[in-house]
């Protein structure tokens, strides 16, 4: 059973619970996102597995994960990046972008992801085919033009491929920051 820490609004640990209960009851917890970006001004998205408890079969950050008991955002970002892509990144390869408070309810599964998320970026210029897909976590990777995303040039059909909160204004601002790297 996967136990993670529950936090308060100041990111202080106030308890522990199962990942399932945390998402079922919308308890606040810590996560990381690592966005791979390319020199061609693209972001790399991961297609989530069809059996994920939140937002299955939708495009999400290149790497995402829960901060486990006793870990911090950096350790989690490095560990999750290797697990989800097969890429071994060093701490100085990550560029911290921001901390983001998000609260999203999945209308399909009814699960609730209530997080304080540390967001990092990593420049990746190799083939998408070189990225390793983690078993039961993802289905593959897709590169999308940052300009197309931030200029709202995606169609309604394309928009439905993404977790809704991933293409909201907060994330579009994050994508603009990544574009400037």
Protein backbone atom coordinates (compact mmCIF):
# COMPACT_ATOMS: atom_id res chain seq x y z
CA UNK A 1 0.00 0.00 0.00
CA UNK A 2 1.45 3.37 -1.05
CA UNK A 3 1.44 5.74 1.95
CA UNK A 4 2.24 9.43 1.41
CA UNK A 5 2.26 12.52 3.58
CA UNK A 6 -0.70 14.84 4.02
CA UNK A 7 0.26 18.50 4.37
CA UNK A 8 -1.36 21.79 5.35
CA UNK A 9 -1.45 24.99 3.28
CA UNK A 10 2.05 25.87 4.56
CA UNK A 11 3.42 22.56 3.20
CA UNK A 12 3.93 21.23 6.71
CA UNK A 13 3.34 17.52 7.21
CA UNK A 14 0.23 16.91 9.32
CA UNK A 15 -0.29 13.20 8.74
CA UNK A 16 -0.08 10.24 6.41
CA UNK A 17 -2.61 8.28 4.40
CA UNK A 18 -2.88 5.94 1.46
CA UNK A 19 -2.57 7.40 -2.00
CA UNK A 20 -6.07 6.09 -2.73
CA UNK A 21 -7.62 7.86 0.30
CA UNK A 22 -5.72 11.04 -0.44
CA UNK A 23 -7.22 11.17 -3.94
CA UNK A 24 -10.63 9.92 -2.83
CA UNK A 25 -10.98 12.64 -0.16
CA UNK A 26 -8.95 15.41 -1.82
CA UNK A 27 -6.35 15.62 0.94
CA UNK A 28 -3.56 18.11 0.31
CA UNK A 29 -0.22 16.51 -0.57
CA UNK A 30 3.05 17.19 -2.44
CA UNK A 31 3.86 16.37 -6.06
CA UNK A 32 6.44 17.27 -8.67
CA UNK A 33 6.24 17.91 -12.39
CA UNK A 34 9.29 17.85 -14.62
CA UNK A 35 8.71 19.29 -18.08
CA UNK A 36 11.08 18.24 -20.82
CA UNK A 37 11.50 20.99 -23.39
CA UNK A 38 13.48 21.05 -26.62
CA UNK A 39 15.60 23.56 -28.49
CA UNK A 40 12.80 23.52 -31.10
CA UNK A 41 10.48 25.23 -28.58
CA UNK A 42 8.51 22.06 -27.85
CA UNK A 43 7.19 20.57 -24.65
CA UNK A 44 7.11 16.83 -24.23
CA UNK A 45 3.93 15.42 -22.73
CA UNK A 46 3.40 11.93 -21.36
CA UNK A 47 0.22 10.06 -22.25
CA UNK A 48 -1.06 8.63 -18.97
CA UNK A 49 -1.93 4.94 -18.73
CA UNK A 50 -5.53 3.91 -19.29
CA UNK A 51 -5.77 2.52 -15.74
CA UNK A 52 -4.52 5.59 -13.80
CA UNK A 53 -6.74 6.56 -10.84
CA UNK A 54 -6.81 10.20 -11.92
CA UNK A 55 -7.06 11.50 -15.48
CA UNK A 56 -6.45 8.22 -17.32
CA UNK A 57 -5.53 8.25 -21.01
CA UNK A 58 -4.80 12.01 -21.10
CA UNK A 59 -1.65 14.04 -21.80
CA UNK A 60 0.19 15.28 -18.72
CA UNK A 61 3.62 16.60 -17.73
CA UNK A 62 6.60 14.65 -19.02
CA UNK A 63 7.21 13.44 -15.48
CA UNK A 64 5.00 13.61 -12.43
CA UNK A 65 5.02 11.99 -9.06
CA UNK A 66 4.10 12.12 -5.41
CA UNK A 67 6.69 13.13 -2.85
CA UNK A 68 7.18 10.02 -0.72
CA UNK A 69 7.63 9.98 3.04
CA UNK A 70 10.97 11.52 4.00
CA UNK A 71 11.74 12.78 0.47
CA UNK A 72 11.75 16.34 -0.83
CA UNK A 73 10.81 17.90 -4.15
CA UNK A 74 14.30 17.65 -5.71
CA UNK A 75 14.88 14.03 -4.71
CA UNK A 76 11.44 13.13 -6.02
CA UNK A 77 11.98 14.98 -9.32
CA UNK A 78 15.28 13.17 -9.96
CA UNK A 79 13.89 9.76 -8.98
CA UNK A 80 10.65 10.12 -10.94
CA UNK A 81 12.48 11.41 -14.03
CA UNK A 82 14.59 8.27 -14.13
CA UNK A 83 11.65 5.94 -13.39
CA UNK A 84 9.32 7.50 -15.97
CA UNK A 85 11.76 8.27 -18.79
CA UNK A 86 14.94 6.27 -18.18
CA UNK A 87 16.90 9.54 -18.24
CA UNK A 88 19.37 10.06 -15.39
CA UNK A 89 19.31 13.78 -14.62
CA UNK A 90 21.64 15.49 -12.19
CA UNK A 91 20.35 18.10 -9.77
CA UNK A 92 22.00 20.95 -11.71
CA UNK A 93 20.21 19.78 -14.88
CA UNK A 94 16.83 20.68 -13.39
CA UNK A 95 15.64 24.26 -13.63
CA UNK A 96 13.18 25.21 -10.90
CA UNK A 97 10.22 27.11 -12.36
CA UNK A 98 7.74 27.58 -9.49
CA UNK A 99 5.61 26.00 -6.79
CA UNK A 100 1.97 25.75 -7.79
CA UNK A 101 -1.10 25.10 -5.67
CA UNK A 102 -3.61 23.05 -7.70
CA UNK A 103 -6.92 21.42 -6.84
CA UNK A 104 -8.43 19.33 -9.63
CA UNK A 105 -11.31 16.90 -9.58
CA UNK A 106 -11.43 14.19 -12.24
CA UNK A 107 -14.98 14.15 -13.62
CA UNK A 108 -14.46 10.65 -15.05
CA UNK A 109 -13.11 8.82 -11.98
CA UNK A 110 -14.39 11.14 -9.23
CA UNK A 111 -10.91 11.28 -7.72
CA UNK A 112 -9.58 14.57 -6.41
CA UNK A 113 -5.96 15.71 -6.79
CA UNK A 114 -5.26 18.48 -4.27
CA UNK A 115 -1.56 19.40 -4.32
CA UNK A 116 1.26 21.79 -3.81
CA UNK A 117 3.42 20.95 -6.80
CA UNK A 118 7.04 21.90 -7.49
CA UNK A 119 7.58 22.46 -11.20
CA UNK A 120 10.93 21.92 -12.89
CA UNK A 121 12.13 22.01 -16.50
CA UNK A 122 14.81 19.92 -18.21
CA UNK A 123 16.21 20.47 -21.69
CA UNK A 124 15.95 17.27 -23.75
CA UNK A 125 16.97 17.16 -27.40
CA UNK A 126 17.13 13.45 -28.16
CA UNK A 127 14.47 11.31 -29.83
CA UNK A 128 11.15 10.65 -28.12
CA UNK A 129 11.80 7.01 -28.99
CA UNK A 130 14.74 7.05 -26.56
CA UNK A 131 12.43 7.77 -23.62
CA UNK A 132 11.49 4.71 -21.59
CA UNK A 133 7.81 4.27 -20.75
CA UNK A 134 7.27 3.17 -17.16
CA UNK A 135 5.09 0.05 -16.85
CA UNK A 136 1.48 0.82 -15.88
CA UNK A 137 2.16 4.58 -15.70
CA UNK A 138 2.25 5.82 -19.27
CA UNK A 139 1.63 4.90 -22.88
CA UNK A 140 4.14 7.13 -24.63
CA UNK A 141 5.32 10.68 -25.23
CA UNK A 142 4.27 13.48 -27.57
CA UNK A 143 6.01 16.76 -28.45
CA UNK A 144 3.84 19.88 -28.78
CA UNK A 145 4.82 23.36 -29.91
CA UNK A 146 5.01 25.73 -26.95
CA UNK A 147 3.92 28.58 -29.22
CA UNK A 148 0.85 26.65 -30.34
CA UNK A 149 -0.10 26.01 -26.72
CA UNK A 150 0.50 29.49 -25.29
CA UNK A 151 -1.13 31.23 -28.26
CA UNK A 152 -4.24 29.06 -27.82
CA UNK A 153 -3.94 27.57 -31.30
CA UNK A 154 -5.01 24.08 -30.34
CA UNK A 155 -8.36 22.85 -31.59
CA UNK A 156 -11.21 21.69 -29.36
CA UNK A 157 -10.47 18.10 -30.40
CA UNK A 158 -6.79 18.54 -29.41
CA UNK A 159 -7.77 20.23 -26.13
CA UNK A 160 -9.66 17.08 -25.06
CA UNK A 161 -6.40 15.10 -25.21
CA UNK A 162 -4.99 16.99 -22.19
CA UNK A 163 -5.74 16.98 -18.50
CA UNK A 164 -7.87 20.15 -18.35
CA UNK A 165 -5.75 21.92 -15.73
CA UNK A 166 -2.59 21.32 -17.79
CA UNK A 167 -3.71 23.82 -20.41
CA UNK A 168 -5.24 26.44 -18.12
CA UNK A 169 -3.82 29.95 -17.74
CA UNK A 170 -1.54 29.04 -14.82
CA UNK A 171 0.18 26.36 -16.86
CA UNK A 172 0.28 28.50 -19.98
CA UNK A 173 2.24 31.04 -17.92
CA UNK A 174 4.59 28.25 -16.85
CA UNK A 175 5.02 27.21 -20.48
CA UNK A 176 5.94 30.83 -21.34
CA UNK A 177 8.63 30.73 -18.64
CA UNK A 178 9.98 27.47 -20.05
CA UNK A 179 9.99 28.95 -23.55
CA UNK A 180 12.32 31.70 -22.30
CA UNK A 181 14.90 29.19 -20.98
